Amino acid sequence: MFSKLAKVANAAFAVALGAAMLATGAGAAEAAGPPVVGGGSGIVIDNQFECTVTTVGYDGAGRLVGLTAGHCGDAGAQVFSEADRGAGQIGRFVYSNHDLDYAVIQFDADKIVPVNRIGNVTITGIGGPAQFPSIVCKEGRTTGNTCGLAWGDVFGTNMETWSQMCVVEGDSGAPVVIGTTLVGMVNAYLAVACFGPEVGTNMSSIVGDINARGGIGAGYRPV
């Protein structure tokens, strides 16, 4: 008899405790926050194309902006987080330069958590082009973190650097770093993916063009 009464009492207590927790919200799963986005994050453009964010930071006017490859979209293109599509649109392309192959994204400051580290790449500043025989690394949404020898400015354009990193489709826009210094972005590979050299635009050329043009993105600094 005692055991039956104990079971009834325990059951009643459990029901009451559960009701109290529901009423106060205790024990409920925490609501997921905005997606974390930084250099190396995967993004989806217009619900069609996947690319990689180069870097996220603030321009001279305090707007939250980022960069990616220019061939990933044109001005007005919508940007979504690949890791959290349910978060909805997190930004839009505001400028795309197809000569230098870079684009400026303006992010909704309420829709993302901007960071300077994704995967194995941390960005603390922006520097000049990589020179032979430096070792450069990148963080891409497709192939992750890979490193290789920098061949330098093969054609003397002062705009691009060739390197021997593994990149494939979807890595476009990935940050190229020496240590924690952002020196370029991934734009293309030649011949065979992950075997042919990678060609990327130098950050010095990109930042120079953004500042000369003015507007959104000018005065950019990483988070």
N, C-alpha and C. Protein backbone atom coordinates (compact mmCIF):
# COMPACT_ATOMS: atom_id res chain seq x y z
N MET A 1 0.83 -1.20 0.00
CA MET A 1 0.00 0.00 0.00
C MET A 1 0.87 1.26 0.00
N PHE A 2 1.91 1.22 0.84
CA PHE A 2 2.78 2.38 0.91
C PHE A 2 3.44 2.67 -0.44
N SER A 3 3.89 1.62 -1.12
CA SER A 3 4.56 1.83 -2.39
C SER A 3 3.64 2.43 -3.43
N LYS A 4 2.37 2.02 -3.42
CA LYS A 4 1.42 2.57 -4.38
C LYS A 4 1.19 4.05 -4.11
N LEU A 5 1.04 4.39 -2.81
CA LEU A 5 0.83 5.80 -2.46
C LEU A 5 2.05 6.65 -2.85
N ALA A 6 3.23 6.09 -2.63
CA ALA A 6 4.45 6.82 -2.99
C ALA A 6 4.51 7.07 -4.48
N LYS A 7 4.13 6.07 -5.26
CA LYS A 7 4.16 6.23 -6.71
C LYS A 7 3.18 7.31 -7.15
N VAL A 8 1.99 7.31 -6.53
CA VAL A 8 0.99 8.32 -6.87
C VAL A 8 1.49 9.71 -6.51
N ALA A 9 2.10 9.82 -5.34
CA ALA A 9 2.62 11.11 -4.90
C ALA A 9 3.73 11.61 -5.81
N ASN A 10 4.64 10.70 -6.16
CA ASN A 10 5.74 11.07 -7.04
C ASN A 10 5.24 11.52 -8.40
N ALA A 11 4.22 10.82 -8.91
CA ALA A 11 3.65 11.18 -10.20
C ALA A 11 3.01 12.55 -10.15
N ALA A 12 2.29 12.81 -9.05
CA ALA A 12 1.63 14.10 -8.90
C ALA A 12 2.65 15.23 -8.81
N PHE A 13 3.75 14.96 -8.08
CA PHE A 13 4.81 15.96 -7.95
C PHE A 13 5.46 16.25 -9.30
N ALA A 14 5.68 15.21 -10.09
CA ALA A 14 6.31 15.39 -11.40
C ALA A 14 5.43 16.22 -12.31
N VAL A 15 4.11 15.97 -12.28
CA VAL A 15 3.17 16.74 -13.11
C VAL A 15 3.18 18.20 -12.68
N ALA A 16 3.15 18.44 -11.35
CA ALA A 16 3.15 19.81 -10.85
C ALA A 16 4.43 20.53 -11.21
N LEU A 17 5.57 19.83 -11.07
CA LEU A 17 6.85 20.44 -11.40
C LEU A 17 6.93 20.78 -12.87
N GLY A 18 6.45 19.87 -13.71
CA GLY A 18 6.47 20.13 -15.15
C GLY A 18 5.62 21.32 -15.52
N ALA A 19 4.45 21.44 -14.87
CA ALA A 19 3.58 22.57 -15.15
C ALA A 19 4.23 23.88 -14.74
N ALA A 20 4.93 23.85 -13.58
CA ALA A 20 5.61 25.05 -13.11
C ALA A 20 6.73 25.46 -14.05
N MET A 21 7.46 24.47 -14.56
CA MET A 21 8.56 24.77 -15.47
C MET A 21 8.05 25.36 -16.77
N LEU A 22 6.93 24.84 -17.26
CA LEU A 22 6.34 25.38 -18.48
C LEU A 22 5.88 26.81 -18.27
N ALA A 23 5.29 27.06 -17.08
CA ALA A 23 4.76 28.39 -16.79
C ALA A 23 5.87 29.42 -16.70
N THR A 24 7.02 29.02 -16.17
CA THR A 24 8.13 29.97 -15.99
C THR A 24 9.12 29.96 -17.14
N GLY A 25 8.98 28.95 -18.04
CA GLY A 25 9.93 28.85 -19.13
C GLY A 25 11.16 28.07 -18.78
N ALA A 26 11.27 27.60 -17.53
CA ALA A 26 12.43 26.83 -17.11
C ALA A 26 12.47 25.50 -17.84
N GLY A 27 13.66 25.12 -18.26
CA GLY A 27 13.82 23.85 -18.95
C GLY A 27 13.55 23.94 -20.44
N ALA A 28 12.99 25.06 -20.91
CA ALA A 28 12.74 25.22 -22.35
C ALA A 28 14.04 25.47 -23.08
N ALA A 29 14.13 25.01 -24.31
CA ALA A 29 15.34 25.21 -25.11
C ALA A 29 15.53 26.69 -25.39
N GLU A 30 16.77 27.14 -25.29
CA GLU A 30 17.09 28.53 -25.60
C GLU A 30 16.87 28.80 -27.09
N ALA A 31 16.29 29.95 -27.40
CA ALA A 31 16.09 30.31 -28.80
C ALA A 31 17.45 30.53 -29.46
N ALA A 32 17.61 30.00 -30.65
CA ALA A 32 18.87 30.16 -31.36
C ALA A 32 19.09 31.62 -31.72
N GLY A 33 20.32 32.08 -31.56
CA GLY A 33 20.62 33.45 -31.90
C GLY A 33 20.92 33.61 -33.38
N PRO A 34 21.28 34.82 -33.81
CA PRO A 34 21.61 35.06 -35.21
C PRO A 34 22.81 34.22 -35.64
N PRO A 35 22.93 33.91 -36.93
CA PRO A 35 24.08 33.13 -37.39
C PRO A 35 25.39 33.89 -37.23
N VAL A 36 26.45 33.15 -36.94
CA VAL A 36 27.79 33.72 -36.83
C VAL A 36 28.39 33.79 -38.22
N VAL A 37 28.89 34.96 -38.60
CA VAL A 37 29.41 35.16 -39.96
C VAL A 37 30.76 35.87 -39.88
N GLY A 38 31.72 35.34 -40.63
CA GLY A 38 33.04 35.96 -40.71
C GLY A 38 33.75 35.48 -41.96
N GLY A 39 35.00 35.85 -42.11
CA GLY A 39 35.78 35.40 -43.25
C GLY A 39 35.93 33.90 -43.26
N GLY A 40 35.35 33.23 -44.25
CA GLY A 40 35.34 31.78 -44.33
C GLY A 40 33.95 31.19 -44.22
N SER A 41 32.95 32.01 -43.87
CA SER A 41 31.57 31.52 -43.76
C SER A 41 30.96 31.30 -45.14
N GLY A 42 30.14 30.27 -45.24
CA GLY A 42 29.41 30.02 -46.47
C GLY A 42 28.17 30.89 -46.56
N ILE A 43 27.90 31.43 -47.73
CA ILE A 43 26.68 32.21 -47.96
C ILE A 43 25.98 31.70 -49.21
N VAL A 44 24.68 31.94 -49.25
CA VAL A 44 23.86 31.58 -50.41
C VAL A 44 23.33 32.87 -51.00
N ILE A 45 23.50 33.04 -52.29
CA ILE A 45 23.09 34.28 -52.97
C ILE A 45 21.87 34.01 -53.81
N ASP A 46 20.80 34.80 -53.54
CA ASP A 46 19.53 34.69 -54.28
C ASP A 46 19.00 33.25 -54.29
N ASN A 47 19.27 32.51 -53.22
CA ASN A 47 18.81 31.12 -53.11
C ASN A 47 19.28 30.25 -54.26
N GLN A 48 20.41 30.63 -54.88
CA GLN A 48 20.90 29.88 -56.03
C GLN A 48 22.37 29.49 -55.94
N PHE A 49 23.22 30.43 -55.52
CA PHE A 49 24.66 30.22 -55.62
C PHE A 49 25.31 30.23 -54.24
N GLU A 50 26.31 29.37 -54.06
CA GLU A 50 27.06 29.33 -52.81
C GLU A 50 28.45 29.94 -53.02
N CYS A 51 28.83 30.82 -52.12
CA CYS A 51 30.16 31.42 -52.13
C CYS A 51 30.64 31.55 -50.70
N THR A 52 31.80 32.16 -50.53
CA THR A 52 32.41 32.29 -49.21
C THR A 52 32.65 33.76 -48.90
N VAL A 53 32.38 34.15 -47.66
CA VAL A 53 32.65 35.52 -47.21
C VAL A 53 34.16 35.70 -47.04
N THR A 54 34.68 36.82 -47.51
CA THR A 54 36.11 37.13 -47.35
C THR A 54 36.40 37.66 -45.97
N THR A 55 35.59 38.59 -45.53
CA THR A 55 35.80 39.26 -44.25
C THR A 55 34.56 40.05 -43.90
N VAL A 56 34.37 40.29 -42.62
CA VAL A 56 33.26 41.11 -42.13
C VAL A 56 33.83 42.18 -41.22
N GLY A 57 33.28 43.39 -41.34
CA GLY A 57 33.75 44.49 -40.51
C GLY A 57 32.86 45.71 -40.67
N TYR A 58 33.43 46.86 -40.43
CA TYR A 58 32.67 48.12 -40.48
C TYR A 58 33.35 49.10 -41.42
N ASP A 59 32.52 49.87 -42.13
CA ASP A 59 33.10 50.90 -42.98
C ASP A 59 33.24 52.19 -42.18
N GLY A 60 33.71 53.24 -42.83
CA GLY A 60 33.96 54.49 -42.14
C GLY A 60 32.73 55.13 -41.54
N ALA A 61 31.55 54.76 -42.04
CA ALA A 61 30.30 55.31 -41.53
C ALA A 61 29.68 54.40 -40.46
N GLY A 62 30.39 53.32 -40.09
CA GLY A 62 29.89 52.43 -39.05
C GLY A 62 28.92 51.37 -39.54
N ARG A 63 28.77 51.24 -40.85
CA ARG A 63 27.87 50.20 -41.39
C ARG A 63 28.56 48.85 -41.35
N LEU A 64 27.78 47.80 -41.05
CA LEU A 64 28.31 46.44 -41.01
C LEU A 64 28.35 45.91 -42.44
N VAL A 65 29.55 45.64 -42.93
CA VAL A 65 29.73 45.23 -44.32
C VAL A 65 30.67 44.04 -44.41
N GLY A 66 30.73 43.45 -45.57
CA GLY A 66 31.63 42.34 -45.82
C GLY A 66 31.99 42.29 -47.29
N LEU A 67 32.88 41.37 -47.62
CA LEU A 67 33.33 41.22 -49.00
C LEU A 67 33.19 39.77 -49.44
N THR A 68 33.06 39.58 -50.74
CA THR A 68 33.13 38.27 -51.37
C THR A 68 33.52 38.49 -52.82
N ALA A 69 33.57 37.41 -53.59
CA ALA A 69 33.96 37.52 -55.01
C ALA A 69 32.87 38.22 -55.81
N GLY A 70 33.30 39.01 -56.80
CA GLY A 70 32.34 39.77 -57.61
C GLY A 70 31.47 38.90 -58.49
N HIS A 71 31.98 37.74 -58.93
CA HIS A 71 31.17 36.90 -59.81
C HIS A 71 30.08 36.14 -59.06
N CYS A 72 30.04 36.32 -57.72
CA CYS A 72 29.00 35.65 -56.93
C CYS A 72 27.66 36.35 -57.01
N GLY A 73 27.64 37.62 -57.43
CA GLY A 73 26.36 38.32 -57.54
C GLY A 73 26.55 39.78 -57.88
N ASP A 74 25.45 40.41 -58.25
CA ASP A 74 25.44 41.83 -58.59
C ASP A 74 24.68 42.62 -57.53
N ALA A 75 24.76 43.93 -57.62
CA ALA A 75 24.09 44.79 -56.66
C ALA A 75 22.60 44.43 -56.56
N GLY A 76 22.12 44.32 -55.35
CA GLY A 76 20.73 43.96 -55.11
C GLY A 76 20.53 42.49 -54.78
N ALA A 77 21.52 41.65 -55.04
CA ALA A 77 21.39 40.22 -54.76
C ALA A 77 21.22 39.99 -53.26
N GLN A 78 20.34 39.07 -52.91
CA GLN A 78 20.06 38.76 -51.51
C GLN A 78 21.07 37.76 -50.96
N VAL A 79 21.40 37.92 -49.70
CA VAL A 79 22.40 37.06 -49.06
C VAL A 79 21.77 36.32 -47.88
N PHE A 80 22.01 35.01 -47.82
CA PHE A 80 21.53 34.16 -46.74
C PHE A 80 22.71 33.40 -46.14
N SER A 81 22.62 33.07 -44.86
CA SER A 81 23.64 32.26 -44.22
C SER A 81 23.45 30.80 -44.63
N GLU A 82 24.50 30.18 -45.13
CA GLU A 82 24.40 28.77 -45.51
C GLU A 82 24.19 27.89 -44.28
N ALA A 83 24.77 28.28 -43.16
CA ALA A 83 24.67 27.48 -41.94
C ALA A 83 23.32 27.61 -41.27
N ASP A 84 22.57 28.68 -41.57
CA ASP A 84 21.27 28.90 -40.93
C ASP A 84 20.34 29.58 -41.91
N ARG A 85 19.83 28.78 -42.85
CA ARG A 85 18.92 29.34 -43.85
C ARG A 85 17.64 29.87 -43.21
N GLY A 86 17.28 29.28 -42.07
CA GLY A 86 16.06 29.70 -41.39
C GLY A 86 16.12 31.11 -40.84
N ALA A 87 17.32 31.69 -40.77
CA ALA A 87 17.47 33.05 -40.26
C ALA A 87 16.95 34.08 -41.25
N GLY A 88 16.68 33.67 -42.48
CA GLY A 88 16.20 34.59 -43.50
C GLY A 88 17.33 35.41 -44.10
N GLN A 89 16.96 36.44 -44.83
CA GLN A 89 17.96 37.27 -45.49
C GLN A 89 18.78 38.02 -44.45
N ILE A 90 20.11 37.95 -44.59
CA ILE A 90 20.99 38.61 -43.62
C ILE A 90 21.70 39.82 -44.21
N GLY A 91 21.59 40.02 -45.52
CA GLY A 91 22.26 41.15 -46.16
C GLY A 91 21.99 41.17 -47.64
N ARG A 92 22.65 42.11 -48.32
CA ARG A 92 22.48 42.23 -49.76
C ARG A 92 23.74 42.79 -50.38
N PHE A 93 23.96 42.45 -51.64
CA PHE A 93 25.08 43.02 -52.39
C PHE A 93 24.75 44.48 -52.69
N VAL A 94 25.69 45.37 -52.42
CA VAL A 94 25.48 46.79 -52.72
C VAL A 94 26.39 47.27 -53.84
N TYR A 95 27.43 46.49 -54.14
CA TYR A 95 28.34 46.87 -55.23
C TYR A 95 29.09 45.63 -55.67
N SER A 96 29.29 45.51 -57.00
CA SER A 96 30.04 44.38 -57.54
C SER A 96 30.95 44.88 -58.65
N ASN A 97 32.24 44.60 -58.50
CA ASN A 97 33.23 45.03 -59.48
C ASN A 97 33.73 43.78 -60.20
N HIS A 98 33.38 43.65 -61.48
CA HIS A 98 33.73 42.44 -62.21
C HIS A 98 35.14 42.50 -62.81
N ASP A 99 35.77 43.67 -62.80
CA ASP A 99 37.16 43.77 -63.25
C ASP A 99 38.10 43.22 -62.18
N LEU A 100 37.91 43.66 -60.95
CA LEU A 100 38.71 43.15 -59.83
C LEU A 100 38.07 41.92 -59.20
N ASP A 101 36.85 41.61 -59.60
CA ASP A 101 36.11 40.44 -59.12
C ASP A 101 35.92 40.44 -57.60
N TYR A 102 35.39 41.55 -57.09
CA TYR A 102 35.02 41.58 -55.68
C TYR A 102 33.66 42.25 -55.55
N ALA A 103 32.98 41.98 -54.45
CA ALA A 103 31.68 42.58 -54.18
C ALA A 103 31.60 43.00 -52.73
N VAL A 104 30.85 44.07 -52.49
CA VAL A 104 30.60 44.57 -51.14
C VAL A 104 29.20 44.15 -50.71
N ILE A 105 29.11 43.57 -49.53
CA ILE A 105 27.83 43.16 -48.95
C ILE A 105 27.54 44.07 -47.77
N GLN A 106 26.32 44.58 -47.70
CA GLN A 106 25.90 45.27 -46.48
C GLN A 106 25.04 44.31 -45.68
N PHE A 107 25.47 44.00 -44.46
CA PHE A 107 24.76 43.08 -43.60
C PHE A 107 23.77 43.82 -42.71
N ASP A 108 22.70 43.12 -42.34
CA ASP A 108 21.76 43.61 -41.34
C ASP A 108 22.39 43.34 -39.98
N ALA A 109 22.71 44.38 -39.25
CA ALA A 109 23.41 44.23 -37.97
C ALA A 109 22.62 43.42 -36.95
N ASP A 110 21.30 43.34 -37.13
CA ASP A 110 20.47 42.57 -36.20
C ASP A 110 20.36 41.10 -36.61
N LYS A 111 20.89 40.76 -37.79
CA LYS A 111 20.68 39.42 -38.32
C LYS A 111 21.90 38.52 -38.24
N ILE A 112 23.08 39.07 -37.89
CA ILE A 112 24.28 38.22 -37.79
C ILE A 112 25.11 38.60 -36.56
N VAL A 113 25.97 37.68 -36.18
CA VAL A 113 27.00 37.95 -35.17
C VAL A 113 28.33 37.98 -35.92
N PRO A 114 28.93 39.15 -36.13
CA PRO A 114 30.18 39.24 -36.90
C PRO A 114 31.37 38.78 -36.06
N VAL A 115 32.24 37.98 -36.67
CA VAL A 115 33.42 37.47 -35.97
C VAL A 115 34.64 37.58 -36.88
N ASN A 116 35.82 37.50 -36.26
CA ASN A 116 37.06 37.57 -37.05
C ASN A 116 37.72 36.20 -37.20
N ARG A 117 37.06 35.16 -36.70
CA ARG A 117 37.63 33.80 -36.84
C ARG A 117 36.55 32.82 -37.27
N ILE A 118 36.82 32.10 -38.35
CA ILE A 118 35.99 30.98 -38.81
C ILE A 118 36.94 29.83 -39.11
N GLY A 119 36.65 28.67 -38.55
CA GLY A 119 37.52 27.52 -38.79
C GLY A 119 38.92 27.78 -38.27
N ASN A 120 39.92 27.65 -39.13
CA ASN A 120 41.31 27.83 -38.75
C ASN A 120 41.90 29.15 -39.21
N VAL A 121 41.05 30.07 -39.63
CA VAL A 121 41.55 31.38 -40.09
C VAL A 121 41.03 32.49 -39.20
N THR A 122 41.97 33.29 -38.69
CA THR A 122 41.65 34.48 -37.91
C THR A 122 42.17 35.70 -38.66
N ILE A 123 41.36 36.75 -38.73
CA ILE A 123 41.75 37.97 -39.45
C ILE A 123 41.85 39.11 -38.44
N THR A 124 43.05 39.67 -38.30
CA THR A 124 43.26 40.79 -37.39
C THR A 124 43.63 42.08 -38.12
N GLY A 125 43.89 41.99 -39.41
CA GLY A 125 44.26 43.18 -40.16
C GLY A 125 44.39 42.87 -41.63
N ILE A 126 44.64 43.90 -42.41
CA ILE A 126 44.77 43.79 -43.87
C ILE A 126 46.17 44.19 -44.27
N GLY A 127 46.79 43.41 -45.17
CA GLY A 127 48.15 43.68 -45.58
C GLY A 127 48.35 43.63 -47.08
N GLY A 128 49.57 43.84 -47.51
CA GLY A 128 49.92 43.86 -48.93
C GLY A 128 49.95 42.47 -49.53
N PRO A 129 50.15 42.37 -50.84
CA PRO A 129 50.11 41.09 -51.55
C PRO A 129 51.16 40.11 -51.04
N ALA A 130 50.83 38.82 -51.12
CA ALA A 130 51.78 37.77 -50.76
C ALA A 130 52.87 37.68 -51.82
N GLN A 131 54.09 37.51 -51.38
CA GLN A 131 55.22 37.40 -52.29
C GLN A 131 55.81 35.99 -52.21
N PHE A 132 56.36 35.51 -53.31
CA PHE A 132 57.09 34.24 -53.32
C PHE A 132 58.30 34.35 -52.39
N PRO A 133 58.59 33.38 -51.53
CA PRO A 133 57.94 32.07 -51.36
C PRO A 133 57.09 31.98 -50.09
N SER A 134 56.24 32.97 -49.84
CA SER A 134 55.38 32.94 -48.65
C SER A 134 54.41 31.77 -48.71
N ILE A 135 53.98 31.31 -47.55
CA ILE A 135 52.93 30.31 -47.46
C ILE A 135 51.64 31.02 -47.08
N VAL A 136 50.62 30.84 -47.92
CA VAL A 136 49.32 31.46 -47.67
C VAL A 136 48.30 30.38 -47.36
N CYS A 137 47.27 30.76 -46.61
CA CYS A 137 46.20 29.82 -46.26
C CYS A 137 44.85 30.46 -46.54
N LYS A 138 43.85 29.62 -46.69
CA LYS A 138 42.50 30.12 -46.91
C LYS A 138 41.50 29.25 -46.15
N GLU A 139 40.30 29.81 -45.93
CA GLU A 139 39.19 29.07 -45.31
C GLU A 139 37.99 29.21 -46.25
N GLY A 140 37.62 28.11 -46.91
CA GLY A 140 36.52 28.14 -47.86
C GLY A 140 35.35 27.28 -47.42
N ARG A 141 34.16 27.62 -47.85
CA ARG A 141 32.97 26.87 -47.43
C ARG A 141 32.94 25.47 -48.04
N THR A 142 33.71 25.21 -49.11
CA THR A 142 33.71 23.90 -49.74
C THR A 142 34.87 23.03 -49.27
N THR A 143 36.08 23.54 -49.33
CA THR A 143 37.27 22.74 -49.02
C THR A 143 37.89 23.07 -47.67
N GLY A 144 37.30 24.00 -46.92
CA GLY A 144 37.81 24.30 -45.60
C GLY A 144 39.16 24.99 -45.64
N ASN A 145 40.04 24.58 -44.72
CA ASN A 145 41.32 25.25 -44.56
C ASN A 145 42.41 24.53 -45.35
N THR A 146 43.01 25.24 -46.30
CA THR A 146 44.13 24.70 -47.07
C THR A 146 45.20 25.76 -47.19
N CYS A 147 46.44 25.34 -47.35
CA CYS A 147 47.57 26.25 -47.46
C CYS A 147 48.46 25.86 -48.64
N GLY A 148 49.27 26.79 -49.09
CA GLY A 148 50.17 26.49 -50.20
C GLY A 148 51.14 27.62 -50.45
N LEU A 149 52.03 27.38 -51.36
CA LEU A 149 53.05 28.34 -51.73
C LEU A 149 52.48 29.47 -52.57
N ALA A 150 52.84 30.70 -52.24
CA ALA A 150 52.45 31.85 -53.06
C ALA A 150 53.45 32.05 -54.18
N TRP A 151 52.96 32.08 -55.42
CA TRP A 151 53.84 32.34 -56.57
C TRP A 151 54.05 33.83 -56.79
N GLY A 152 53.16 34.64 -56.24
CA GLY A 152 53.28 36.09 -56.39
C GLY A 152 52.50 36.62 -57.57
N ASP A 153 52.84 37.80 -58.00
CA ASP A 153 52.17 38.49 -59.11
C ASP A 153 52.80 38.04 -60.42
N VAL A 154 52.27 36.98 -61.00
CA VAL A 154 52.88 36.34 -62.17
C VAL A 154 52.94 37.27 -63.37
N PHE A 155 51.89 38.04 -63.61
CA PHE A 155 51.84 38.89 -64.80
C PHE A 155 52.16 40.36 -64.50
N GLY A 156 52.52 40.69 -63.28
CA GLY A 156 52.90 42.05 -62.96
C GLY A 156 51.75 43.05 -63.04
N THR A 157 50.54 42.61 -62.72
CA THR A 157 49.38 43.51 -62.79
C THR A 157 49.19 44.33 -61.52
N ASN A 158 49.85 43.91 -60.43
CA ASN A 158 49.67 44.53 -59.12
C ASN A 158 48.25 44.39 -58.60
N MET A 159 47.49 43.46 -59.17
CA MET A 159 46.12 43.25 -58.74
C MET A 159 45.87 41.85 -58.23
N GLU A 160 46.62 40.85 -58.71
CA GLU A 160 46.32 39.48 -58.34
C GLU A 160 47.58 38.71 -57.95
N THR A 161 47.35 37.65 -57.17
CA THR A 161 48.44 36.78 -56.73
C THR A 161 48.07 35.34 -57.03
N TRP A 162 49.01 34.58 -57.53
CA TRP A 162 48.82 33.16 -57.77
C TRP A 162 49.38 32.38 -56.58
N SER A 163 48.71 31.29 -56.24
CA SER A 163 49.19 30.46 -55.14
C SER A 163 48.83 29.01 -55.40
N GLN A 164 49.40 28.11 -54.61
CA GLN A 164 49.19 26.69 -54.82
C GLN A 164 48.29 26.10 -53.74
N MET A 165 47.15 26.76 -53.48
CA MET A 165 46.17 26.27 -52.51
C MET A 165 45.10 25.46 -53.22
N CYS A 166 44.51 24.53 -52.50
CA CYS A 166 43.39 23.76 -53.04
C CYS A 166 42.11 24.58 -52.93
N VAL A 167 41.49 24.88 -54.08
CA VAL A 167 40.19 25.55 -54.10
C VAL A 167 39.31 24.91 -55.17
N VAL A 168 38.01 24.90 -54.92
CA VAL A 168 37.03 24.42 -55.88
C VAL A 168 35.84 25.36 -55.85
N GLU A 169 34.81 25.03 -56.63
CA GLU A 169 33.62 25.85 -56.68
C GLU A 169 33.04 26.02 -55.28
N GLY A 170 32.57 27.23 -55.00
CA GLY A 170 32.03 27.53 -53.68
C GLY A 170 33.03 28.20 -52.76
N ASP A 171 34.33 28.00 -53.06
CA ASP A 171 35.37 28.67 -52.28
C ASP A 171 35.57 30.12 -52.73
N SER A 172 34.92 30.52 -53.80
CA SER A 172 35.08 31.89 -54.30
C SER A 172 34.80 32.90 -53.19
N GLY A 173 35.72 33.84 -53.02
CA GLY A 173 35.59 34.85 -51.99
C GLY A 173 36.33 34.51 -50.72
N ALA A 174 36.79 33.27 -50.59
CA ALA A 174 37.45 32.85 -49.35
C ALA A 174 38.63 33.74 -49.00
N PRO A 175 38.83 34.03 -47.71
CA PRO A 175 39.95 34.88 -47.31
C PRO A 175 41.28 34.16 -47.49
N VAL A 176 42.26 34.88 -48.00
CA VAL A 176 43.63 34.38 -48.14
C VAL A 176 44.48 35.14 -47.14
N VAL A 177 45.14 34.42 -46.25
CA VAL A 177 45.87 35.07 -45.17
C VAL A 177 47.31 34.59 -45.08
N ILE A 178 48.15 35.46 -44.54
CA ILE A 178 49.48 35.09 -44.07
C ILE A 178 49.44 35.32 -42.56
N GLY A 179 49.47 34.24 -41.79
CA GLY A 179 49.24 34.39 -40.36
C GLY A 179 47.81 34.83 -40.12
N THR A 180 47.65 36.01 -39.51
CA THR A 180 46.31 36.56 -39.29
C THR A 180 46.06 37.81 -40.13
N THR A 181 46.93 38.04 -41.12
CA THR A 181 46.79 39.22 -41.99
C THR A 181 46.10 38.83 -43.29
N LEU A 182 45.00 39.48 -43.59
CA LEU A 182 44.26 39.23 -44.82
C LEU A 182 44.97 39.89 -45.98
N VAL A 183 45.41 39.09 -46.96
CA VAL A 183 46.17 39.63 -48.09
C VAL A 183 45.43 39.50 -49.42
N GLY A 184 44.37 38.70 -49.48
CA GLY A 184 43.67 38.51 -50.74
C GLY A 184 42.41 37.71 -50.57
N MET A 185 41.74 37.45 -51.69
CA MET A 185 40.56 36.59 -51.70
C MET A 185 40.70 35.57 -52.83
N VAL A 186 40.02 34.46 -52.69
CA VAL A 186 39.99 33.44 -53.73
C VAL A 186 39.03 33.85 -54.83
N ASN A 187 39.48 33.78 -56.09
CA ASN A 187 38.60 34.11 -57.20
C ASN A 187 38.44 32.99 -58.22
N ALA A 188 39.50 32.20 -58.46
CA ALA A 188 39.41 31.17 -59.50
C ALA A 188 40.57 30.20 -59.36
N TYR A 189 40.46 29.06 -60.06
CA TYR A 189 41.60 28.17 -60.18
C TYR A 189 41.83 27.90 -61.67
N LEU A 190 43.04 27.57 -62.01
CA LEU A 190 43.40 27.30 -63.39
C LEU A 190 43.58 25.80 -63.59
N ALA A 191 43.20 25.30 -64.76
CA ALA A 191 43.36 23.88 -65.11
C ALA A 191 42.48 23.01 -64.23
N VAL A 192 43.06 22.23 -63.33
CA VAL A 192 42.32 21.25 -62.54
C VAL A 192 42.17 21.72 -61.10
N ALA A 193 40.94 21.62 -60.56
CA ALA A 193 40.69 22.04 -59.18
C ALA A 193 41.63 21.32 -58.23
N CYS A 194 42.20 22.08 -57.30
CA CYS A 194 43.10 21.59 -56.25
C CYS A 194 44.47 21.17 -56.78
N PHE A 195 44.69 21.27 -58.08
CA PHE A 195 46.00 20.95 -58.64
C PHE A 195 46.59 22.15 -59.37
N GLY A 196 45.74 22.81 -60.17
CA GLY A 196 46.20 24.01 -60.85
C GLY A 196 46.30 25.16 -59.86
N PRO A 197 47.04 26.21 -60.18
CA PRO A 197 47.19 27.33 -59.25
C PRO A 197 45.89 28.09 -59.04
N GLU A 198 45.76 28.63 -57.84
CA GLU A 198 44.63 29.51 -57.50
C GLU A 198 45.01 30.93 -57.84
N VAL A 199 44.06 31.70 -58.35
CA VAL A 199 44.29 33.10 -58.67
C VAL A 199 43.35 33.94 -57.83
N GLY A 200 43.90 34.89 -57.09
CA GLY A 200 43.08 35.72 -56.22
C GLY A 200 43.44 37.18 -56.30
N THR A 201 42.44 38.04 -56.06
CA THR A 201 42.66 39.49 -56.08
C THR A 201 43.30 39.93 -54.77
N ASN A 202 44.26 40.82 -54.87
CA ASN A 202 44.94 41.34 -53.69
C ASN A 202 44.02 42.28 -52.90
N MET A 203 44.06 42.19 -51.58
CA MET A 203 43.23 43.07 -50.75
C MET A 203 43.64 44.53 -50.90
N SER A 204 44.91 44.78 -51.15
CA SER A 204 45.34 46.17 -51.32
C SER A 204 44.64 46.81 -52.52
N SER A 205 44.45 46.04 -53.60
CA SER A 205 43.75 46.55 -54.77
C SER A 205 42.27 46.76 -54.48
N ILE A 206 41.69 45.80 -53.75
CA ILE A 206 40.26 45.89 -53.42
C ILE A 206 39.98 47.09 -52.53
N VAL A 207 40.74 47.23 -51.45
CA VAL A 207 40.52 48.32 -50.52
C VAL A 207 40.77 49.67 -51.19
N GLY A 208 41.79 49.73 -52.04
CA GLY A 208 42.07 50.96 -52.76
C GLY A 208 40.91 51.37 -53.65
N ASP A 209 40.30 50.39 -54.33
CA ASP A 209 39.18 50.69 -55.21
C ASP A 209 37.95 51.11 -54.42
N ILE A 210 37.69 50.43 -53.30
CA ILE A 210 36.54 50.77 -52.47
C ILE A 210 36.66 52.20 -51.95
N ASN A 211 37.83 52.55 -51.46
CA ASN A 211 38.03 53.88 -50.91
C ASN A 211 37.97 54.96 -51.99
N ALA A 212 38.48 54.66 -53.17
CA ALA A 212 38.44 55.63 -54.27
C ALA A 212 37.01 55.86 -54.75
N ARG A 213 36.20 54.83 -54.71
CA ARG A 213 34.81 54.93 -55.15
C ARG A 213 33.97 55.65 -54.13
N GLY A 214 34.28 55.47 -52.83
CA GLY A 214 33.47 56.07 -51.78
C GLY A 214 32.18 55.29 -51.59
N GLY A 215 31.34 55.76 -50.70
CA GLY A 215 30.06 55.09 -50.47
C GLY A 215 30.20 53.92 -49.51
N ILE A 216 29.26 53.01 -49.59
CA ILE A 216 29.21 51.87 -48.66
C ILE A 216 30.48 51.03 -48.82
N GLY A 217 31.14 50.80 -47.71
CA GLY A 217 32.38 50.00 -47.71
C GLY A 217 33.64 50.82 -47.57
N ALA A 218 33.60 52.10 -47.95
CA ALA A 218 34.79 52.95 -47.87
C ALA A 218 35.23 53.09 -46.43
N GLY A 219 36.55 53.01 -46.21
CA GLY A 219 37.09 53.09 -44.86
C GLY A 219 36.96 51.79 -44.11
N TYR A 220 36.88 50.67 -44.86
CA TYR A 220 36.63 49.36 -44.24
C TYR A 220 37.71 48.95 -43.25
N ARG A 221 37.26 48.34 -42.14
CA ARG A 221 38.17 47.73 -41.17
C ARG A 221 37.52 46.45 -40.66
N PRO A 222 38.26 45.37 -40.53
CA PRO A 222 37.68 44.10 -40.07
C PRO A 222 37.31 44.17 -38.60
N VAL A 223 36.39 43.31 -38.18
CA VAL A 223 36.00 43.26 -36.76
C VAL A 223 37.17 42.78 -35.92
